[in-house]
């Protein structure tokens, strides 16, 4: 019985972490293409070095 409860809790934990990761990733990805001639402040924060 204890192993079933551990398995269920672990499954919920993995699903929750997967949902958090899916919501934090951009479907377009991060584009640090500086040839777009955008000002630095309009680029994603990752590209700004912050």
N, C-alpha and C. Protein backbone atom coordinates (compact mmCIF):
# COMPACT_ATOMS: atom_id res chain seq x y z
N UNK A 1 0.82 -1.19 0.00
CA UNK A 1 0.00 0.00 0.00
C UNK A 1 0.87 1.26 0.00
N UNK A 2 1.97 1.21 0.76
CA UNK A 2 2.84 2.37 0.84
C UNK A 2 3.50 2.67 -0.51
N UNK A 3 3.84 1.62 -1.25
CA UNK A 3 4.48 1.83 -2.55
C UNK A 3 3.51 2.43 -3.56
N UNK A 4 2.24 2.10 -3.45
CA UNK A 4 1.24 2.68 -4.35
C UNK A 4 1.10 4.17 -4.08
N UNK A 5 1.06 4.55 -2.81
CA UNK A 5 0.95 5.97 -2.46
C UNK A 5 2.19 6.72 -2.93
N UNK A 6 3.36 6.14 -2.74
CA UNK A 6 4.60 6.77 -3.21
C UNK A 6 4.60 6.94 -4.73
N UNK A 7 4.13 5.92 -5.44
CA UNK A 7 4.08 6.00 -6.89
C UNK A 7 3.11 7.09 -7.35
N UNK A 8 1.96 7.19 -6.72
CA UNK A 8 0.97 8.21 -7.09
C UNK A 8 1.52 9.61 -6.81
N UNK A 9 2.14 9.80 -5.65
CA UNK A 9 2.71 11.11 -5.33
C UNK A 9 3.84 11.48 -6.29
N UNK A 10 4.67 10.53 -6.62
CA UNK A 10 5.74 10.79 -7.57
C UNK A 10 5.18 11.14 -8.95
N UNK A 11 4.12 10.45 -9.36
CA UNK A 11 3.50 10.74 -10.65
C UNK A 11 2.93 12.15 -10.69
N UNK A 12 2.24 12.55 -9.63
CA UNK A 12 1.71 13.92 -9.57
C UNK A 12 2.83 14.94 -9.59
N UNK A 13 3.90 14.67 -8.88
CA UNK A 13 5.04 15.57 -8.84
C UNK A 13 5.64 15.75 -10.22
N UNK A 14 5.81 14.67 -10.96
CA UNK A 14 6.38 14.74 -12.31
C UNK A 14 5.44 15.49 -13.25
N UNK A 15 4.15 15.26 -13.13
CA UNK A 15 3.18 15.96 -13.99
C UNK A 15 3.19 17.46 -13.70
N UNK A 16 3.24 17.82 -12.43
CA UNK A 16 3.24 19.24 -12.07
C UNK A 16 4.51 19.92 -12.57
N UNK A 17 5.66 19.26 -12.39
CA UNK A 17 6.90 19.85 -12.89
C UNK A 17 6.90 19.97 -14.41
N UNK A 18 6.35 18.99 -15.09
CA UNK A 18 6.25 19.05 -16.55
C UNK A 18 5.35 20.18 -17.00
N UNK A 19 4.27 20.42 -16.29
CA UNK A 19 3.36 21.52 -16.63
C UNK A 19 4.03 22.86 -16.41
N UNK A 20 4.80 22.97 -15.33
CA UNK A 20 5.51 24.23 -15.08
C UNK A 20 6.54 24.50 -16.16
N UNK A 21 7.23 23.48 -16.58
CA UNK A 21 8.23 23.66 -17.62
C UNK A 21 7.57 24.00 -18.95
N UNK A 22 6.47 23.38 -19.26
CA UNK A 22 5.78 23.64 -20.52
C UNK A 22 5.24 25.06 -20.57
N UNK A 23 4.81 25.59 -19.43
CA UNK A 23 4.27 26.94 -19.43
C UNK A 23 5.36 27.99 -19.48
N UNK A 24 6.59 27.61 -19.15
CA UNK A 24 7.66 28.60 -19.12
C UNK A 24 8.49 28.61 -20.39
N UNK A 25 8.25 27.69 -21.31
CA UNK A 25 9.01 27.68 -22.55
C UNK A 25 8.20 28.35 -23.65
N UNK A 26 8.87 29.06 -24.47
CA UNK A 26 8.22 29.76 -25.57
C UNK A 26 8.06 28.81 -26.75
N UNK A 27 6.91 28.81 -27.41
CA UNK A 27 6.76 27.94 -28.58
C UNK A 27 7.65 28.37 -29.74
N UNK A 28 8.02 29.65 -29.76
CA UNK A 28 8.87 30.15 -30.83
C UNK A 28 10.34 30.00 -30.52
N UNK A 29 10.67 29.74 -29.27
CA UNK A 29 12.06 29.71 -28.86
C UNK A 29 12.56 31.12 -28.63
N UNK A 30 13.77 31.23 -28.21
CA UNK A 30 14.36 32.55 -27.97
C UNK A 30 15.21 32.91 -29.16
N UNK A 31 14.91 34.04 -29.74
CA UNK A 31 15.65 34.48 -30.91
C UNK A 31 16.59 35.61 -30.52
N UNK A 32 17.88 35.33 -30.48
CA UNK A 32 18.89 36.35 -30.19
C UNK A 32 19.56 36.79 -31.48
N UNK A 33 18.79 36.87 -32.52
CA UNK A 33 19.34 37.26 -33.82
C UNK A 33 19.47 38.78 -33.84
N UNK A 34 20.70 39.25 -33.72
CA UNK A 34 20.93 40.69 -33.67
C UNK A 34 20.84 41.34 -35.05
N UNK A 35 20.65 40.54 -36.09
CA UNK A 35 20.50 41.10 -37.43
C UNK A 35 19.09 41.63 -37.67
N UNK A 36 18.19 41.47 -36.69
CA UNK A 36 16.82 41.95 -36.84
C UNK A 36 16.72 43.46 -36.69
N UNK A 37 17.81 44.10 -36.32
CA UNK A 37 17.89 45.55 -36.14
C UNK A 37 16.88 46.05 -35.10
N UNK A 38 16.66 45.25 -34.07
CA UNK A 38 15.83 45.69 -32.95
C UNK A 38 16.74 46.36 -31.93
N UNK A 39 16.22 47.35 -31.22
CA UNK A 39 17.01 47.91 -30.11
C UNK A 39 17.22 46.84 -29.04
N UNK A 40 18.29 46.97 -28.29
CA UNK A 40 18.63 45.96 -27.29
C UNK A 40 17.53 45.80 -26.25
N UNK A 41 16.85 46.88 -25.87
CA UNK A 41 15.81 46.79 -24.85
C UNK A 41 14.56 46.05 -25.34
N UNK A 42 14.41 45.85 -26.64
CA UNK A 42 13.27 45.10 -27.16
C UNK A 42 13.60 43.60 -27.35
N UNK A 43 14.85 43.24 -27.16
CA UNK A 43 15.26 41.84 -27.27
C UNK A 43 14.88 41.11 -25.98
N UNK A 44 14.73 39.78 -26.01
CA UNK A 44 14.46 39.04 -24.77
C UNK A 44 15.56 39.27 -23.74
N UNK A 45 15.21 39.11 -22.47
CA UNK A 45 16.17 39.37 -21.40
C UNK A 45 17.39 38.47 -21.49
N UNK A 46 17.23 37.27 -22.00
CA UNK A 46 18.36 36.36 -22.14
C UNK A 46 19.38 36.95 -23.09
N UNK A 47 18.94 37.61 -24.13
CA UNK A 47 19.85 38.20 -25.10
C UNK A 47 20.52 39.46 -24.55
N UNK A 48 19.87 40.10 -23.58
CA UNK A 48 20.43 41.31 -22.99
C UNK A 48 21.48 40.99 -21.95
N UNK A 49 21.60 39.74 -21.55
CA UNK A 49 22.59 39.35 -20.56
C UNK A 49 22.11 39.55 -19.14
N UNK A 50 20.80 39.68 -18.95
CA UNK A 50 20.25 39.90 -17.60
C UNK A 50 19.75 38.60 -17.03
